Amino acid sequence: MIARTWRGRVPRRHADGFEEHLMTTGVAQSAGLPGHAGAHILRKETGDEVEFVLITYWTSWEAVQRFAGVDVSVAVLYPGDENFELIPSKTVDHHQVVFASQP
């Protein structure tokens, strides 16, 4: 399994709205694709900003490419992101999942 990790920050006043936006864009789009194996959204308040980390899980590199395109290192961004004053990471990290346990 492959974990794909993206990060972005928004002003605190936009955090709840951006969380909903993230659910209806990146999470919803990835969930409908073959090879999608789950997702986590992490949220951390840091001063006047809130950092979001989206981790999606995939069964193969082909599945990652169906979501991200040929260059899987480039972040997938969405129309409307700018409405939340998003400061996105333009790239993502990928890791092979070697162990997983649910809380």
C-alpha atoms as a PDB file:
ATOM      1  CA  MET A   1       0.000   0.000   0.000  1.00  0.00           C
ATOM      2  CA  ILE A   2       1.180   3.534  -0.776  1.00  0.00           C
ATOM      3  CA  ALA A   3       0.507   6.566   1.427  1.00  0.00           C
ATOM      4  CA  ARG A   4       0.356   9.898  -0.425  1.00  0.00           C
ATOM      5  CA  THR A   5       0.803  12.913   1.881  1.00  0.00           C
ATOM      6  CA  TRP A   6      -0.059  16.540   1.069  1.00  0.00           C
ATOM      7  CA  ARG A   7       0.099  19.610   3.326  1.00  0.00           C
ATOM      8  CA  GLY A   8      -1.496  23.033   3.212  1.00  0.00           C
ATOM      9  CA  ARG A   9      -2.184  25.960   5.539  1.00  0.00           C
ATOM     10  CA  VAL A  10      -5.098  28.376   5.790  1.00  0.00           C
ATOM     11  CA  PRO A  11      -5.887  31.302   8.089  1.00  0.00           C
ATOM     12  CA  ARG A  12      -7.750  30.123  11.186  1.00  0.00           C
ATOM     13  CA  ARG A  13     -10.942  31.930  10.082  1.00  0.00           C
ATOM     14  CA  HIS A  14     -11.115  29.680   6.986  1.00  0.00           C
ATOM     15  CA  ALA A  15     -10.251  26.369   8.671  1.00  0.00           C
ATOM     16  CA  ASP A  16     -13.739  24.894   9.028  1.00  0.00           C
ATOM     17  CA  GLY A  17     -14.719  25.908   5.505  1.00  0.00           C
ATOM     18  CA  PHE A  18     -11.511  24.546   4.041  1.00  0.00           C
ATOM     19  CA  GLU A  19     -11.960  21.252   5.867  1.00  0.00           C
ATOM     20  CA  GLU A  20     -15.373  20.878   4.227  1.00  0.00           C
ATOM     21  CA  HIS A  21     -13.907  21.929   0.852  1.00  0.00           C
ATOM     22  CA  LEU A  22     -11.156  19.317   1.217  1.00  0.00           C
ATOM     23  CA  MET A  23     -13.769  16.642   1.913  1.00  0.00           C
ATOM     24  CA  THR A  24     -15.793  17.553  -1.188  1.00  0.00           C
ATOM     25  CA  THR A  25     -12.782  17.830  -3.516  1.00  0.00           C
ATOM     26  CA  GLY A  26      -9.668  15.741  -2.850  1.00  0.00           C
ATOM     27  CA  VAL A  27     -11.245  13.194  -0.536  1.00  0.00           C
ATOM     28  CA  ALA A  28     -14.388  12.726  -2.635  1.00  0.00           C
ATOM     29  CA  GLN A  29     -12.499  12.524  -5.932  1.00  0.00           C
ATOM     30  CA  SER A  30      -9.981   9.997  -4.667  1.00  0.00           C
ATOM     31  CA  ALA A  31     -12.592   7.840  -2.923  1.00  0.00           C
ATOM     32  CA  GLY A  32     -14.340   7.159  -6.215  1.00  0.00           C
ATOM     33  CA  LEU A  33     -11.270   5.775  -7.974  1.00  0.00           C
ATOM     34  CA  PRO A  34     -10.230   2.132  -8.301  1.00  0.00           C
ATOM     35  CA  GLY A  35      -7.305   1.377  -6.025  1.00  0.00           C
ATOM     36  CA  HIS A  36      -8.195   3.975  -3.393  1.00  0.00           C
ATOM     37  CA  ALA A  37      -7.734   2.366   0.026  1.00  0.00           C
ATOM     38  CA  GLY A  38      -8.735   5.144   2.434  1.00  0.00           C
ATOM     39  CA  ALA A  39      -7.809   8.602   3.677  1.00  0.00           C
ATOM     40  CA  HIS A  40      -7.032  10.621   6.784  1.00  0.00           C
ATOM     41  CA  ILE A  41      -7.277  14.377   7.295  1.00  0.00           C
ATOM     42  CA  LEU A  42      -5.086  15.765  10.066  1.00  0.00           C
ATOM     43  CA  ARG A  43      -5.543  19.279  11.437  1.00  0.00           C
ATOM     44  CA  LYS A  44      -3.147  21.330  13.592  1.00  0.00           C
ATOM     45  CA  GLU A  45      -3.686  24.877  14.846  1.00  0.00           C
ATOM     46  CA  THR A  46      -0.480  26.927  14.777  1.00  0.00           C
ATOM     47  CA  GLY A  47      -0.960  30.549  15.800  1.00  0.00           C
ATOM     48  CA  ASP A  48      -3.177  32.330  13.291  1.00  0.00           C
ATOM     49  CA  GLU A  49      -3.048  29.436  10.825  1.00  0.00           C
ATOM     50  CA  VAL A  50      -4.330  25.895  10.640  1.00  0.00           C
ATOM     51  CA  GLU A  51      -2.245  23.243   8.919  1.00  0.00           C
ATOM     52  CA  PHE A  52      -4.007  20.401   7.137  1.00  0.00           C
ATOM     53  CA  VAL A  53      -2.381  17.126   6.200  1.00  0.00           C
ATOM     54  CA  LEU A  54      -4.251  14.875   3.781  1.00  0.00           C
ATOM     55  CA  ILE A  55      -3.032  11.298   3.594  1.00  0.00           C
ATOM     56  CA  THR A  56      -4.603   9.095   0.949  1.00  0.00           C
ATOM     57  CA  TYR A  57      -3.874   5.401   0.625  1.00  0.00           C
ATOM     58  CA  TRP A  58      -3.538   3.503  -2.636  1.00  0.00           C
ATOM     59  CA  THR A  59      -3.124  -0.132  -3.610  1.00  0.00           C
ATOM     60  CA  SER A  60      -0.630   0.524  -6.449  1.00  0.00           C
ATOM     61  CA  TRP A  61       1.349   3.187  -8.295  1.00  0.00           C
ATOM     62  CA  GLU A  62      -1.120   2.836 -11.175  1.00  0.00           C
ATOM     63  CA  ALA A  63      -3.908   3.825  -8.786  1.00  0.00           C
ATOM     64  CA  VAL A  64      -1.900   6.860  -7.630  1.00  0.00           C
ATOM     65  CA  GLN A  65      -1.445   7.878 -11.278  1.00  0.00           C
ATOM     66  CA  ARG A  66      -5.179   7.608 -11.946  1.00  0.00           C
ATOM     67  CA  PHE A  67      -5.648  10.258  -9.268  1.00  0.00           C
ATOM     68  CA  ALA A  68      -2.550  12.435  -9.704  1.00  0.00           C
ATOM     69  CA  GLY A  69      -1.530  12.021 -13.324  1.00  0.00           C
ATOM     70  CA  VAL A  70       1.827  10.970 -14.747  1.00  0.00           C
ATOM     71  CA  ASP A  71       3.964  13.112 -12.405  1.00  0.00           C
ATOM     72  CA  VAL A  72       2.740  11.772  -9.076  1.00  0.00           C
ATOM     73  CA  SER A  73       5.003  14.159  -7.125  1.00  0.00           C
ATOM     74  CA  VAL A  74       2.883  17.180  -8.107  1.00  0.00           C
ATOM     75  CA  ALA A  75       0.051  18.127  -5.739  1.00  0.00           C
ATOM     76  CA  VAL A  76      -3.509  18.028  -7.042  1.00  0.00           C
ATOM     77  CA  LEU A  77      -5.114  21.415  -6.336  1.00  0.00           C
ATOM     78  CA  TYR A  78      -8.728  22.407  -6.931  1.00  0.00           C
ATOM     79  CA  PRO A  79     -10.760  25.388  -8.112  1.00  0.00           C
ATOM     80  CA  GLY A  80     -11.946  27.278  -5.059  1.00  0.00           C
ATOM     81  CA  ASP A  81      -8.794  26.609  -3.007  1.00  0.00           C
ATOM     82  CA  GLU A  82      -7.950  30.308  -3.319  1.00  0.00           C
ATOM     83  CA  ASN A  83     -11.211  31.258  -1.574  1.00  0.00           C
ATOM     84  CA  PHE A  84      -9.683  29.933   1.653  1.00  0.00           C
ATOM     85  CA  GLU A  85      -6.349  31.766   1.192  1.00  0.00           C
ATOM     86  CA  LEU A  86      -4.719  28.356   0.967  1.00  0.00           C
ATOM     87  CA  ILE A  87      -0.933  28.163   1.118  1.00  0.00           C
ATOM     88  CA  PRO A  88      -0.486  24.727  -0.458  1.00  0.00           C
ATOM     89  CA  SER A  89       2.468  22.464  -0.757  1.00  0.00           C
ATOM     90  CA  LYS A  90       3.019  22.117  -4.505  1.00  0.00           C
ATOM     91  CA  THR A  91       4.465  18.634  -4.099  1.00  0.00           C
ATOM     92  CA  VAL A  92       3.528  15.529  -2.146  1.00  0.00           C
ATOM     93  CA  ASP A  93       5.395  12.720  -0.412  1.00  0.00           C
ATOM     94  CA  HIS A  94       4.852   9.025  -1.003  1.00  0.00           C
ATOM     95  CA  HIS A  95       5.704   6.263   1.432  1.00  0.00           C
ATOM     96  CA  GLN A  96       5.277   2.518   1.315  1.00  0.00           C
ATOM     97  CA  VAL A  97       3.044   1.438   4.206  1.00  0.00           C
ATOM     98  CA  VAL A  98       4.829  -1.373   6.031  1.00  0.00           C
ATOM     99  CA  PHE A  99       2.503  -1.568   9.043  1.00  0.00           C
ATOM    100  CA  ALA A 100      -0.947  -0.182   9.799  1.00  0.00           C
ATOM    101  CA  SER A 101      -3.138  -0.267  12.887  1.00  0.00           C
ATOM    102  CA  GLN A 102      -6.387   1.558  13.527  1.00  0.00           C
ATOM    103  CA  PRO A 103      -6.855   3.571  16.743  1.00  0.00           C
END
